[in-house]
Amino acid sequence: MISSANKRVDEPVYWALFGAGGMWSAIFAPAAILIVCFLIPLGVIDNTAAYAGMKSFCAGFLGRVFTLCMIALPIWCGMHRIHHCLHDMKVHCLGLKGLCYGLAAILSVVAVFLVCSF
């Protein structure tokens, strides 16, 4: 018989972070990679103006939030995928969920510290 008491689960939080990380990785990461890895080194965008502009952007609040999202959200997406991939492959270790999401949380806190300290 199914219990009538509502059981609280934490899975929607992880799915939301997974969805946000996947969407961020699909929309913003390719544009950032295109600009930083291809357009600036190939000279399509002037190096000195691009560097000064990126430095001033990253020093502001919006730039710090953007940089933090570029780091933290894909980490949550990747760790969620790893957790569910291991679950699908029948790897059931005690604490696997805590390890995956704990590592993502620790790396996110480190990213917050590094982004806010510069």
PDB file of N, CA and C in Angstrom:
ATOM      1  N   MET A   1       0.818  -1.175   0.000  1.00  0.00           N
ATOM      2  CA  MET A   1       0.000   0.000   0.000  1.00  0.00           C
ATOM      3  C   MET A   1       0.868   1.246   0.000  1.00  0.00           C
ATOM      4  N   ILE A   2       0.490   2.239  -0.753  1.00  0.00           N
ATOM      5  CA  ILE A   2       1.251   3.477  -0.861  1.00  0.00           C
ATOM      6  C   ILE A   2       0.905   4.383   0.316  1.00  0.00           C
ATOM      7  N   SER A   3       1.927   4.924   0.916  1.00  0.00           N
ATOM      8  CA  SER A   3       1.721   5.807   2.056  1.00  0.00           C
ATOM      9  C   SER A   3       1.053   7.101   1.604  1.00  0.00           C
ATOM     10  N   SER A   4       0.115   7.576   2.393  1.00  0.00           N
ATOM     11  CA  SER A   4      -0.582   8.808   2.035  1.00  0.00           C
ATOM     12  C   SER A   4       0.185  10.048   2.460  1.00  0.00           C
ATOM     13  N   ALA A   5       1.206   9.872   3.288  1.00  0.00           N
ATOM     14  CA  ALA A   5       2.011  11.013   3.715  1.00  0.00           C
ATOM     15  C   ALA A   5       2.877  11.493   2.568  1.00  0.00           C
ATOM     16  N   ASN A   6       2.944  12.793   2.418  1.00  0.00           N
ATOM     17  CA  ASN A   6       3.784  13.357   1.360  1.00  0.00           C
ATOM     18  C   ASN A   6       5.248  13.225   1.748  1.00  0.00           C
ATOM     19  N   LYS A   7       6.016  12.661   0.860  1.00  0.00           N
ATOM     20  CA  LYS A   7       7.441  12.510   1.091  1.00  0.00           C
ATOM     21  C   LYS A   7       8.164  13.633   0.348  1.00  0.00           C
ATOM     22  N   ARG A   8       8.980  14.370   1.076  1.00  0.00           N
ATOM     23  CA  ARG A   8       9.719  15.461   0.450  1.00  0.00           C
ATOM     24  C   ARG A   8      10.938  14.891  -0.277  1.00  0.00           C
ATOM     25  N   VAL A   9      11.135  15.353  -1.482  1.00  0.00           N
ATOM     26  CA  VAL A   9      12.287  14.924  -2.266  1.00  0.00           C
ATOM     27  C   VAL A   9      13.075  16.154  -2.689  1.00  0.00           C
ATOM     28  N   ASP A  10      14.359  15.953  -2.891  1.00  0.00           N
ATOM     29  CA  ASP A  10      15.208  17.053  -3.307  1.00  0.00           C
ATOM     30  C   ASP A  10      15.544  17.010  -4.800  1.00  0.00           C
ATOM     31  N   GLU A  11      14.999  16.053  -5.490  1.00  0.00           N
ATOM     32  CA  GLU A  11      15.312  15.879  -6.912  1.00  0.00           C
ATOM     33  C   GLU A  11      14.913  17.080  -7.783  1.00  0.00           C
ATOM     34  N   PRO A  12      13.793  17.781  -7.544  1.00  0.00           N
ATOM     35  CA  PRO A  12      13.471  18.934  -8.393  1.00  0.00           C
ATOM     36  C   PRO A  12      14.525  20.038  -8.365  1.00  0.00           C
ATOM     37  N   VAL A  13      15.204  20.196  -7.242  1.00  0.00           N
ATOM     38  CA  VAL A  13      16.269  21.208  -7.166  1.00  0.00           C
ATOM     39  C   VAL A  13      17.404  20.831  -8.100  1.00  0.00           C
ATOM     40  N   TYR A  14      17.796  19.567  -8.087  1.00  0.00           N
ATOM     41  CA  TYR A  14      18.893  19.117  -8.950  1.00  0.00           C
ATOM     42  C   TYR A  14      18.489  19.139 -10.426  1.00  0.00           C
ATOM     43  N   TRP A  15      17.237  18.804 -10.709  1.00  0.00           N
ATOM     44  CA  TRP A  15      16.771  18.875 -12.094  1.00  0.00           C
ATOM     45  C   TRP A  15      16.731  20.313 -12.588  1.00  0.00           C
ATOM     46  N   ALA A  16      16.380  21.251 -11.704  1.00  0.00           N
ATOM     47  CA  ALA A  16      16.364  22.666 -12.100  1.00  0.00           C
ATOM     48  C   ALA A  16      17.780  23.157 -12.394  1.00  0.00           C
ATOM     49  N   LEU A  17      18.738  22.782 -11.546  1.00  0.00           N
ATOM     50  CA  LEU A  17      20.125  23.168 -11.801  1.00  0.00           C
ATOM     51  C   LEU A  17      20.659  22.485 -13.058  1.00  0.00           C
ATOM     52  N   PHE A  18      20.258  21.231 -13.282  1.00  0.00           N
ATOM     53  CA  PHE A  18      20.645  20.531 -14.502  1.00  0.00           C
ATOM     54  C   PHE A  18      20.089  21.246 -15.737  1.00  0.00           C
ATOM     55  N   GLY A  19      18.808  21.603 -15.681  1.00  0.00           N
ATOM     56  CA  GLY A  19      18.188  22.292 -16.819  1.00  0.00           C
ATOM     57  C   GLY A  19      18.804  23.653 -17.067  1.00  0.00           C
ATOM     58  N   ALA A  20      19.069  24.391 -15.987  1.00  0.00           N
ATOM     59  CA  ALA A  20      19.688  25.711 -16.141  1.00  0.00           C
ATOM     60  C   ALA A  20      21.095  25.582 -16.702  1.00  0.00           C
ATOM     61  N   GLY A  21      21.839  24.603 -16.222  1.00  0.00           N
ATOM     62  CA  GLY A  21      23.197  24.396 -16.731  1.00  0.00           C
ATOM     63  C   GLY A  21      23.214  23.951 -18.178  1.00  0.00           C
ATOM     64  N   GLY A  22      22.288  23.082 -18.548  1.00  0.00           N
ATOM     65  CA  GLY A  22      22.218  22.645 -19.942  1.00  0.00           C
ATOM     66  C   GLY A  22      21.823  23.768 -20.878  1.00  0.00           C
ATOM     67  N   MET A  23      20.867  24.571 -20.456  1.00  0.00           N
ATOM     68  CA  MET A  23      20.429  25.700 -21.283  1.00  0.00           C
ATOM     69  C   MET A  23      21.538  26.741 -21.393  1.00  0.00           C
ATOM     70  N   TRP A  24      22.204  27.021 -20.298  1.00  0.00           N
ATOM     71  CA  TRP A  24      23.301  27.986 -20.319  1.00  0.00           C
ATOM     72  C   TRP A  24      24.424  27.484 -21.233  1.00  0.00           C
ATOM     73  N   SER A  25      24.742  26.194 -21.116  1.00  0.00           N
ATOM     74  CA  SER A  25      25.801  25.619 -21.949  1.00  0.00           C
ATOM     75  C   SER A  25      25.440  25.638 -23.421  1.00  0.00           C
ATOM     76  N   ALA A  26      24.169  25.521 -23.732  1.00  0.00           N
ATOM     77  CA  ALA A  26      23.744  25.488 -25.129  1.00  0.00           C
ATOM     78  C   ALA A  26      23.652  26.880 -25.743  1.00  0.00           C
ATOM     79  N   ILE A  27      23.331  27.882 -24.949  1.00  0.00           N
ATOM     80  CA  ILE A  27      23.090  29.212 -25.508  1.00  0.00           C
ATOM     81  C   ILE A  27      24.302  30.125 -25.369  1.00  0.00           C
ATOM     82  N   PHE A  28      24.830  30.269 -24.163  1.00  0.00           N
ATOM     83  CA  PHE A  28      25.865  31.272 -23.921  1.00  0.00           C
ATOM     84  C   PHE A  28      27.284  30.769 -24.110  1.00  0.00           C
ATOM     85  N   ALA A  29      27.549  29.515 -23.766  1.00  0.00           N
ATOM     86  CA  ALA A  29      28.913  28.994 -23.865  1.00  0.00           C
ATOM     87  C   ALA A  29      29.451  29.003 -25.301  1.00  0.00           C
ATOM     88  N   PRO A  30      28.686  28.598 -26.314  1.00  0.00           N
ATOM     89  CA  PRO A  30      29.246  28.652 -27.670  1.00  0.00           C
ATOM     90  C   PRO A  30      29.596  30.074 -28.121  1.00  0.00           C
ATOM     91  N   ALA A  31      28.767  31.039 -27.730  1.00  0.00           N
ATOM     92  CA  ALA A  31      29.066  32.427 -28.099  1.00  0.00           C
ATOM     93  C   ALA A  31      30.333  32.917 -27.408  1.00  0.00           C
ATOM     94  N   ALA A  32      30.483  32.603 -26.130  1.00  0.00           N
ATOM     95  CA  ALA A  32      31.677  33.014 -25.400  1.00  0.00           C
ATOM     96  C   ALA A  32      32.921  32.329 -25.955  1.00  0.00           C
ATOM     97  N   ILE A  33      32.816  31.054 -26.278  1.00  0.00           N
ATOM     98  CA  ILE A  33      33.956  30.330 -26.855  1.00  0.00           C
ATOM     99  C   ILE A  33      34.315  30.888 -28.223  1.00  0.00           C
ATOM    100  N   LEU A  34      33.314  31.192 -29.025  1.00  0.00           N
ATOM    101  CA  LEU A  34      33.564  31.768 -30.346  1.00  0.00           C
ATOM    102  C   LEU A  34      34.322  33.080 -30.235  1.00  0.00           C
ATOM    103  N   ILE A  35      33.903  33.940 -29.340  1.00  0.00           N
ATOM    104  CA  ILE A  35      34.541  35.246 -29.200  1.00  0.00           C
ATOM    105  C   ILE A  35      35.948  35.113 -28.639  1.00  0.00           C
ATOM    106  N   VAL A  36      36.085  34.395 -27.512  1.00  0.00           N
ATOM    107  CA  VAL A  36      37.362  34.342 -26.808  1.00  0.00           C
ATOM    108  C   VAL A  36      38.386  33.447 -27.523  1.00  0.00           C
ATOM    109  N   CYS A  37      37.943  32.345 -28.098  1.00  0.00           N
ATOM    110  CA  CYS A  37      38.886  31.378 -28.673  1.00  0.00           C
ATOM    111  C   CYS A  37      39.143  31.555 -30.162  1.00  0.00           C
ATOM    112  N   PHE A  38      38.229  32.204 -30.887  1.00  0.00           N
ATOM    113  CA  PHE A  38      38.410  32.290 -32.332  1.00  0.00           C
ATOM    114  C   PHE A  38      38.465  33.721 -32.861  1.00  0.00           C
ATOM    115  N   LEU A  39      37.486  34.535 -32.540  1.00  0.00           N
ATOM    116  CA  LEU A  39      37.419  35.865 -33.135  1.00  0.00           C
ATOM    117  C   LEU A  39      38.540  36.783 -32.670  1.00  0.00           C
ATOM    118  N   ILE A  40      38.868  36.764 -31.390  1.00  0.00           N
ATOM    119  CA  ILE A  40      39.951  37.616 -30.889  1.00  0.00           C
ATOM    120  C   ILE A  40      41.314  37.128 -31.369  1.00  0.00           C
ATOM    121  N   PRO A  41      41.668  35.831 -31.247  1.00  0.00           N
ATOM    122  CA  PRO A  41      42.984  35.393 -31.731  1.00  0.00           C
ATOM    123  C   PRO A  41      43.171  35.530 -33.244  1.00  0.00           C
ATOM    124  N   LEU A  42      42.095  35.401 -34.015  1.00  0.00           N
ATOM    125  CA  LEU A  42      42.222  35.539 -35.469  1.00  0.00           C
ATOM    126  C   LEU A  42      42.250  36.984 -35.920  1.00  0.00           C
ATOM    127  N   GLY A  43      42.034  37.920 -35.010  1.00  0.00           N
ATOM    128  CA  GLY A  43      42.110  39.338 -35.354  1.00  0.00           C
ATOM    129  C   GLY A  43      40.815  39.919 -35.884  1.00  0.00           C
ATOM    130  N   VAL A  44      39.738  39.175 -35.864  1.00  0.00           N
ATOM    131  CA  VAL A  44      38.449  39.696 -36.311  1.00  0.00           C
ATOM    132  C   VAL A  44      38.001  40.816 -35.368  1.00  0.00           C
ATOM    133  N   ILE A  45      38.263  40.628 -34.080  1.00  0.00           N
ATOM    134  CA  ILE A  45      38.010  41.661 -33.080  1.00  0.00           C
ATOM    135  C   ILE A  45      39.360  42.150 -32.591  1.00  0.00           C
ATOM    136  N   ASP A  46      39.537  43.464 -32.496  1.00  0.00           N
ATOM    137  CA  ASP A  46      40.812  44.048 -32.072  1.00  0.00           C
ATOM    138  C   ASP A  46      41.176  43.571 -30.669  1.00  0.00           C
ATOM    139  N   ASN A  47      42.410  43.085 -30.502  1.00  0.00           N
ATOM    140  CA  ASN A  47      42.846  42.519 -29.231  1.00  0.00           C
ATOM    141  C   ASN A  47      42.806  43.514 -28.088  1.00  0.00           C
ATOM    142  N   THR A  48      43.349  44.704 -28.291  1.00  0.00           N
ATOM    143  CA  THR A  48      43.447  45.656 -27.183  1.00  0.00           C
ATOM    144  C   THR A  48      42.067  46.135 -26.749  1.00  0.00           C
ATOM    145  N   ALA A  49      41.202  46.427 -27.695  1.00  0.00           N
ATOM    146  CA  ALA A  49      39.858  46.878 -27.348  1.00  0.00           C
ATOM    147  C   ALA A  49      39.059  45.743 -26.721  1.00  0.00           C
ATOM    148  N   ALA A  50      39.236  44.532 -27.227  1.00  0.00           N
ATOM    149  CA  ALA A  50      38.501  43.387 -26.703  1.00  0.00           C
ATOM    150  C   ALA A  50      38.949  43.072 -25.276  1.00  0.00           C
ATOM    151  N   TYR A  51      40.249  43.126 -25.032  1.00  0.00           N
ATOM    152  CA  TYR A  51      40.752  42.831 -23.698  1.00  0.00           C
ATOM    153  C   TYR A  51      40.273  43.880 -22.695  1.00  0.00           C
ATOM    154  N   ALA A  52      40.361  45.136 -23.064  1.00  0.00           N
ATOM    155  CA  ALA A  52      39.915  46.203 -22.162  1.00  0.00           C
ATOM    156  C   ALA A  52      38.409  46.105 -21.909  1.00  0.00           C
ATOM    157  N   GLY A  53      37.650  45.808 -22.940  1.00  0.00           N
ATOM    158  CA  GLY A  53      36.209  45.672 -22.787  1.00  0.00           C
ATOM    159  C   GLY A  53      35.835  44.492 -21.916  1.00  0.00           C
ATOM    160  N   MET A  54      36.502  43.347 -22.136  1.00  0.00           N
ATOM    161  CA  MET A  54      36.209  42.167 -21.321  1.00  0.00           C
ATOM    162  C   MET A  54      36.631  42.374 -19.878  1.00  0.00           C
ATOM    163  N   LYS A  55      37.757  43.063 -19.680  1.00  0.00           N
ATOM    164  CA  LYS A  55      38.225  43.311 -18.320  1.00  0.00           C
ATOM    165  C   LYS A  55      37.256  44.218 -17.565  1.00  0.00           C
ATOM    166  N   SER A  56      36.769  45.241 -18.232  1.00  0.00           N
ATOM    167  CA  SER A  56      35.817  46.136 -17.567  1.00  0.00           C
ATOM    168  C   SER A  56      34.465  45.450 -17.357  1.00  0.00           C
ATOM    169  N   PHE A  57      34.061  44.597 -18.295  1.00  0.00           N
ATOM    170  CA  PHE A  57      32.810  43.859 -18.130  1.00  0.00           C
ATOM    171  C   PHE A  57      32.895  42.885 -16.966  1.00  0.00           C
ATOM    172  N   CYS A  58      33.993  42.149 -16.875  1.00  0.00           N
ATOM    173  CA  CYS A  58      34.145  41.152 -15.807  1.00  0.00           C
ATOM    174  C   CYS A  58      34.350  41.791 -14.439  1.00  0.00           C
ATOM    175  N   ALA A  59      34.740  43.054 -14.398  1.00  0.00           N
ATOM    176  CA  ALA A  59      34.916  43.735 -13.112  1.00  0.00           C
ATOM    177  C   ALA A  59      33.585  44.187 -12.530  1.00  0.00           C
ATOM    178  N   GLY A  60      32.566  44.326 -13.358  1.00  0.00           N
ATOM    179  CA  GLY A  60      31.264  44.768 -12.886  1.00  0.00           C
ATOM    180  C   GLY A  60      30.429  43.623 -12.334  1.00  0.00           C
ATOM    181  N   PHE A  61      29.301  43.985 -11.742  1.00  0.00           N
ATOM    182  CA  PHE A  61      28.421  42.988 -11.122  1.00  0.00           C
ATOM    183  C   PHE A  61      27.867  42.004 -12.141  1.00  0.00           C
ATOM    184  N   LEU A  62      27.382  42.519 -13.269  1.00  0.00           N
ATOM    185  CA  LEU A  62      26.810  41.637 -14.291  1.00  0.00           C
ATOM    186  C   LEU A  62      27.870  40.696 -14.875  1.00  0.00           C
ATOM    187  N   GLY A  63      29.075  41.189 -15.041  1.00  0.00           N
ATOM    188  CA  GLY A  63      30.159  40.354 -15.550  1.00  0.00           C
ATOM    189  C   GLY A  63      30.533  39.248 -14.587  1.00  0.00           C
ATOM    190  N   ARG A  64      30.509  39.572 -13.306  1.00  0.00           N
ATOM    191  CA  ARG A  64      30.816  38.544 -12.304  1.00  0.00           C
ATOM    192  C   ARG A  64      29.728  37.472 -12.268  1.00  0.00           C
ATOM    193  N   VAL A  65      28.480  37.898 -12.374  1.00  0.00           N
ATOM    194  CA  VAL A  65      27.380  36.933 -12.410  1.00  0.00           C
ATOM    195  C   VAL A  65      27.488  36.066 -13.666  1.00  0.00           C
ATOM    196  N   PHE A  66      27.796  36.684 -14.806  1.00  0.00           N
ATOM    197  CA  PHE A  66      27.962  35.938 -16.060  1.00  0.00           C
ATOM    198  C   PHE A  66      29.095  34.921 -15.934  1.00  0.00           C
ATOM    199  N   THR A  67      30.231  35.346 -15.388  1.00  0.00           N
ATOM    200  CA  THR A  67      31.374  34.455 -15.227  1.00  0.00           C
ATOM    201  C   THR A  67      31.045  33.314 -14.273  1.00  0.00           C
ATOM    202  N   LEU A  68      30.350  33.631 -13.197  1.00  0.00           N
ATOM    203  CA  LEU A  68      29.957  32.594 -12.253  1.00  0.00           C
ATOM    204  C   LEU A  68      29.017  31.583 -12.899  1.00  0.00           C
ATOM    205  N   CYS A  69      28.077  32.069 -13.687  1.00  0.00           N
ATOM    206  CA  CYS A  69      27.160  31.162 -14.388  1.00  0.00           C
ATOM    207  C   CYS A  69      27.890  30.326 -15.432  1.00  0.00           C
ATOM    208  N   MET A  70      28.902  30.899 -16.077  1.00  0.00           N
ATOM    209  CA  MET A  70      29.686  30.145 -17.066  1.00  0.00           C
ATOM    210  C   MET A  70      30.464  29.013 -16.405  1.00  0.00           C
ATOM    211  N   ILE A  71      30.769  29.151 -15.130  1.00  0.00           N
ATOM    212  CA  ILE A  71      31.530  28.122 -14.426  1.00  0.00           C
ATOM    213  C   ILE A  71      30.606  27.142 -13.711  1.00  0.00           C
ATOM    214  N   ALA A  72      29.695  27.662 -12.888  1.00  0.00           N
ATOM    215  CA  ALA A  72      28.949  26.817 -11.954  1.00  0.00           C
ATOM    216  C   ALA A  72      27.822  26.017 -12.610  1.00  0.00           C
ATOM    217  N   LEU A  73      27.053  26.628 -13.487  1.00  0.00           N
ATOM    218  CA  LEU A  73      25.899  25.923 -14.052  1.00  0.00           C
ATOM    219  C   LEU A  73      26.282  24.697 -14.887  1.00  0.00           C
ATOM    220  N   PRO A  74      27.297  24.781 -15.757  1.00  0.00           N
ATOM    221  CA  PRO A  74      27.693  23.549 -16.463  1.00  0.00           C
ATOM    222  C   PRO A  74      28.233  22.457 -15.544  1.00  0.00           C
ATOM    223  N   ILE A  75      28.824  22.846 -14.406  1.00  0.00           N
ATOM    224  CA  ILE A  75      29.286  21.842 -13.446  1.00  0.00           C
ATOM    225  C   ILE A  75      28.100  21.068 -12.885  1.00  0.00           C
ATOM    226  N   TRP A  76      27.023  21.787 -12.507  1.00  0.00           N
ATOM    227  CA  TRP A  76      25.830  21.113 -11.992  1.00  0.00           C
ATOM    228  C   TRP A  76      25.222  20.207 -13.049  1.00  0.00           C
ATOM    229  N   CYS A  77      25.180  20.674 -14.287  1.00  0.00           N
ATOM    230  CA  CYS A  77      24.627  19.869 -15.379  1.00  0.00           C
ATOM    231  C   CYS A  77      25.453  18.593 -15.574  1.00  0.00           C
ATOM    232  N   GLY A  78      26.754  18.740 -15.593  1.00  0.00           N
ATOM    233  CA  GLY A  78      27.629  17.586 -15.794  1.00  0.00           C
ATOM    234  C   GLY A  78      27.564  16.585 -14.658  1.00  0.00           C
ATOM    235  N   MET A  79      27.549  17.062 -13.421  1.00  0.00           N
ATOM    236  CA  MET A  79      27.495  16.142 -12.290  1.00  0.00           C
ATOM    237  C   MET A  79      26.148  15.427 -12.209  1.00  0.00           C
ATOM    238  N   HIS A  80      25.082  16.110 -12.610  1.00  0.00           N
ATOM    239  CA  HIS A  80      23.772  15.455 -12.658  1.00  0.00           C
ATOM    240  C   HIS A  80      23.769  14.356 -13.712  1.00  0.00           C
ATOM    241  N   ARG A  81      24.374  14.631 -14.859  1.00  0.00           N
ATOM    242  CA  ARG A  81      24.468  13.614 -15.910  1.00  0.00           C
ATOM    243  C   ARG A  81      25.307  12.423 -15.452  1.00  0.00           C
ATOM    244  N   ILE A  82      26.415  12.695 -14.779  1.00  0.00           N
ATOM    245  CA  ILE A  82      27.270  11.615 -14.287  1.00  0.00           C
ATOM    246  C   ILE A  82      26.522  10.760 -13.275  1.00  0.00           C
ATOM    247  N   HIS A  83      25.808  11.408 -12.364  1.00  0.00           N
ATOM    248  CA  HIS A  83      25.051  10.675 -11.352  1.00  0.00           C
ATOM    249  C   HIS A  83      24.011   9.753 -12.000  1.00  0.00           C
ATOM    250  N   HIS A  84      23.251  10.284 -12.949  1.00  0.00           N
ATOM    251  CA  HIS A  84      22.214   9.466 -13.573  1.00  0.00           C
ATOM    252  C   HIS A  84      22.793   8.434 -14.539  1.00  0.00           C
ATOM    253  N   CYS A  85      23.920   8.725 -15.142  1.00  0.00           N
ATOM    254  CA  CYS A  85      24.573   7.738 -16.002  1.00  0.00           C
ATOM    255  C   CYS A  85      25.057   6.549 -15.170  1.00  0.00           C
ATOM    256  N   LEU A  86      25.663   6.832 -14.021  1.00  0.00           N
ATOM    257  CA  LEU A  86      26.093   5.741 -13.147  1.00  0.00           C
ATOM    258  C   LEU A  86      24.902   4.955 -12.618  1.00  0.00           C
ATOM    259  N   HIS A  87      23.805   5.652 -12.325  1.00  0.00           N
ATOM    260  CA  HIS A  87      22.590   4.973 -11.881  1.00  0.00           C
ATOM    261  C   HIS A  87      22.045   4.055 -12.976  1.00  0.00           C
ATOM    262  N   ASP A  88      22.061   4.536 -14.223  1.00  0.00           N
ATOM    263  CA  ASP A  88      21.588   3.715 -15.342  1.00  0.00           C
ATOM    264  C   ASP A  88      22.479   2.506 -15.591  1.00  0.00           C
ATOM    265  N   MET A  89      23.766   2.626 -15.273  1.00  0.00           N
ATOM    266  CA  MET A  89      24.693   1.507 -15.449  1.00  0.00           C
ATOM    267  C   MET A  89      24.715   0.600 -14.219  1.00  0.00           C
ATOM    268  N   LYS A  90      23.747   0.792 -13.314  1.00  0.00           N
ATOM    269  CA  LYS A  90      23.574  -0.038 -12.127  1.00  0.00           C
ATOM    270  C   LYS A  90      24.743   0.078 -11.148  1.00  0.00           C
ATOM    271  N   VAL A  91      25.383   1.235 -11.111  1.00  0.00           N
ATOM    272  CA  VAL A  91      26.414   1.503 -10.115  1.00  0.00           C
ATOM    273  C   VAL A  91      25.716   2.178  -8.944  1.00  0.00           C
ATOM    274  N   HIS A  92      25.459   1.417  -7.906  1.00  0.00           N
ATOM    275  CA  HIS A  92      24.747   1.930  -6.741  1.00  0.00           C
ATOM    276  C   HIS A  92      25.672   1.885  -5.536  1.00  0.00           C
ATOM    277  N   CYS A  93      26.397   2.949  -5.330  1.00  0.00           N
ATOM    278  CA  CYS A  93      27.287   3.059  -4.185  1.00  0.00           C
ATOM    279  C   CYS A  93      26.627   3.919  -3.115  1.00  0.00           C
ATOM    280  N   LEU A  94      26.927   3.617  -1.897  1.00  0.00           N
ATOM    281  CA  LEU A  94      26.418   4.417  -0.803  1.00  0.00           C
ATOM    282  C   LEU A  94      27.062   5.800  -0.870  1.00  0.00           C
ATOM    283  N   GLY A  95      26.266   6.822  -0.953  1.00  0.00           N
ATOM    284  CA  GLY A  95      26.782   8.183  -0.988  1.00  0.00           C
ATOM    285  C   GLY A  95      27.127   8.702  -2.367  1.00  0.00           C
ATOM    286  N   LEU A  96      26.743   7.988  -3.420  1.00  0.00           N
ATOM    287  CA  LEU A  96      27.059   8.443  -4.773  1.00  0.00           C
ATOM    288  C   LEU A  96      26.366   9.767  -5.094  1.00  0.00           C
ATOM    289  N   LYS A  97      25.118   9.866  -4.682  1.00  0.00           N
ATOM    290  CA  LYS A  97      24.372  11.108  -4.912  1.00  0.00           C
ATOM    291  C   LYS A  97      25.028  12.259  -4.152  1.00  0.00           C
ATOM    292  N   GLY A  98      25.379  12.018  -2.914  1.00  0.00           N
ATOM    293  CA  GLY A  98      26.049  13.045  -2.117  1.00  0.00           C
ATOM    294  C   GLY A  98      27.405  13.425  -2.683  1.00  0.00           C
ATOM    295  N   LEU A  99      28.112  12.438  -3.220  1.00  0.00           N
ATOM    296  CA  LEU A  99      29.420  12.713  -3.814  1.00  0.00           C
ATOM    297  C   LEU A  99      29.279  13.595  -5.052  1.00  0.00           C
ATOM    298  N   CYS A 100      28.364  13.237  -5.937  1.00  0.00           N
ATOM    299  CA  CYS A 100      28.199  13.993  -7.176  1.00  0.00           C
ATOM    300  C   CYS A 100      27.729  15.416  -6.908  1.00  0.00           C
ATOM    301  N   TYR A 101      26.652  15.545  -6.150  1.00  0.00           N
ATOM    302  CA  TYR A 101      26.103  16.876  -5.905  1.00  0.00           C
ATOM    303  C   TYR A 101      26.932  17.654  -4.898  1.00  0.00           C
ATOM    304  N   GLY A 102      27.589  16.967  -3.990  1.00  0.00           N
ATOM    305  CA  GLY A 102      28.495  17.645  -3.066  1.00  0.00           C
ATOM    306  C   GLY A 102      29.695  18.234  -3.777  1.00  0.00           C
ATOM    307  N   LEU A 103      30.240  17.484  -4.737  1.00  0.00           N
ATOM    308  CA  LEU A 103      31.355  17.998  -5.523  1.00  0.00           C
ATOM    309  C   LEU A 103      30.931  19.213  -6.343  1.00  0.00           C
ATOM    310  N   ALA A 104      29.739  19.154  -6.912  1.00  0.00           N
ATOM    311  CA  ALA A 104      29.233  20.302  -7.668  1.00  0.00           C
ATOM    312  C   ALA A 104      29.051  21.516  -6.759  1.00  0.00           C
ATOM    313  N   ALA A 105      28.553  21.286  -5.556  1.00  0.00           N
ATOM    314  CA  ALA A 105      28.361  22.389  -4.609  1.00  0.00           C
ATOM    315  C   ALA A 105      29.698  22.971  -4.171  1.00  0.00           C
ATOM    316  N   ILE A 106      30.673  22.119  -3.889  1.00  0.00           N
ATOM    317  CA  ILE A 106      31.992  22.599  -3.478  1.00  0.00           C
ATOM    318  C   ILE A 106      32.645  23.408  -4.595  1.00  0.00           C
ATOM    319  N   LEU A 107      32.587  22.904  -5.816  1.00  0.00           N
ATOM    320  CA  LEU A 107      33.172  23.633  -6.940  1.00  0.00           C
ATOM    321  C   LEU A 107      32.443  24.947  -7.194  1.00  0.00           C
ATOM    322  N   SER A 108      31.146  24.988  -6.954  1.00  0.00           N
ATOM    323  CA  SER A 108      30.394  26.236  -7.109  1.00  0.00           C
ATOM    324  C   SER A 108      30.798  27.258  -6.058  1.00  0.00           C
ATOM    325  N   VAL A 109      31.005  26.798  -4.830  1.00  0.00           N
ATOM    326  CA  VAL A 109      31.451  27.711  -3.768  1.00  0.00           C
ATOM    327  C   VAL A 109      32.851  28.231  -4.066  1.00  0.00           C
ATOM    328  N   VAL A 110      33.726  27.376  -4.553  1.00  0.00           N
ATOM    329  CA  VAL A 110      35.074  27.814  -4.945  1.00  0.00           C
ATOM    330  C   VAL A 110      34.983  28.837  -6.075  1.00  0.00           C
ATOM    331  N   ALA A 111      34.093  28.604  -7.034  1.00  0.00           N
ATOM    332  CA  ALA A 111      33.913  29.557  -8.136  1.00  0.00           C
ATOM    333  C   ALA A 111      33.396  30.894  -7.622  1.00  0.00           C
ATOM    334  N   VAL A 112      32.452  30.868  -6.690  1.00  0.00           N
ATOM    335  CA  VAL A 112      31.946  32.118  -6.107  1.00  0.00           C
ATOM    336  C   VAL A 112      33.083  32.853  -5.414  1.00  0.00           C
ATOM    337  N   PHE A 113      33.880  32.146  -4.646  1.00  0.00           N
ATOM    338  CA  PHE A 113      34.993  32.770  -3.944  1.00  0.00           C
ATOM    339  C   PHE A 113      35.994  33.382  -4.929  1.00  0.00           C
ATOM    340  N   LEU A 114      36.364  32.642  -5.974  1.00  0.00           N
ATOM    341  CA  LEU A 114      37.340  33.145  -6.932  1.00  0.00           C
ATOM    342  C   LEU A 114      36.800  34.312  -7.751  1.00  0.00           C
ATOM    343  N   VAL A 115      35.548  34.235  -8.162  1.00  0.00           N
ATOM    344  CA  VAL A 115      34.967  35.317  -8.970  1.00  0.00           C
ATOM    345  C   VAL A 115      34.820  36.584  -8.132  1.00  0.00           C
ATOM    346  N   CYS A 116      34.443  36.440  -6.880  1.00  0.00           N
ATOM    347  CA  CYS A 116      34.228  37.629  -6.035  1.00  0.00           C
ATOM    348  C   CYS A 116      35.515  38.200  -5.486  1.00  0.00           C
ATOM    349  N   SER A 117      36.601  37.408  -5.472  1.00  0.00           N
ATOM    350  CA  SER A 117      37.844  37.902  -4.894  1.00  0.00           C
ATOM    351  C   SER A 117      38.665  38.733  -5.875  1.00  0.00           C
ATOM    352  N   PHE A 118      38.382  38.677  -7.136  1.00  0.00           N
ATOM    353  CA  PHE A 118      39.174  39.445  -8.099  1.00  0.00           C
ATOM    354  C   PHE A 118      38.469  40.687  -8.521  1.00  0.00           C
TER     355      PHE A 118
END
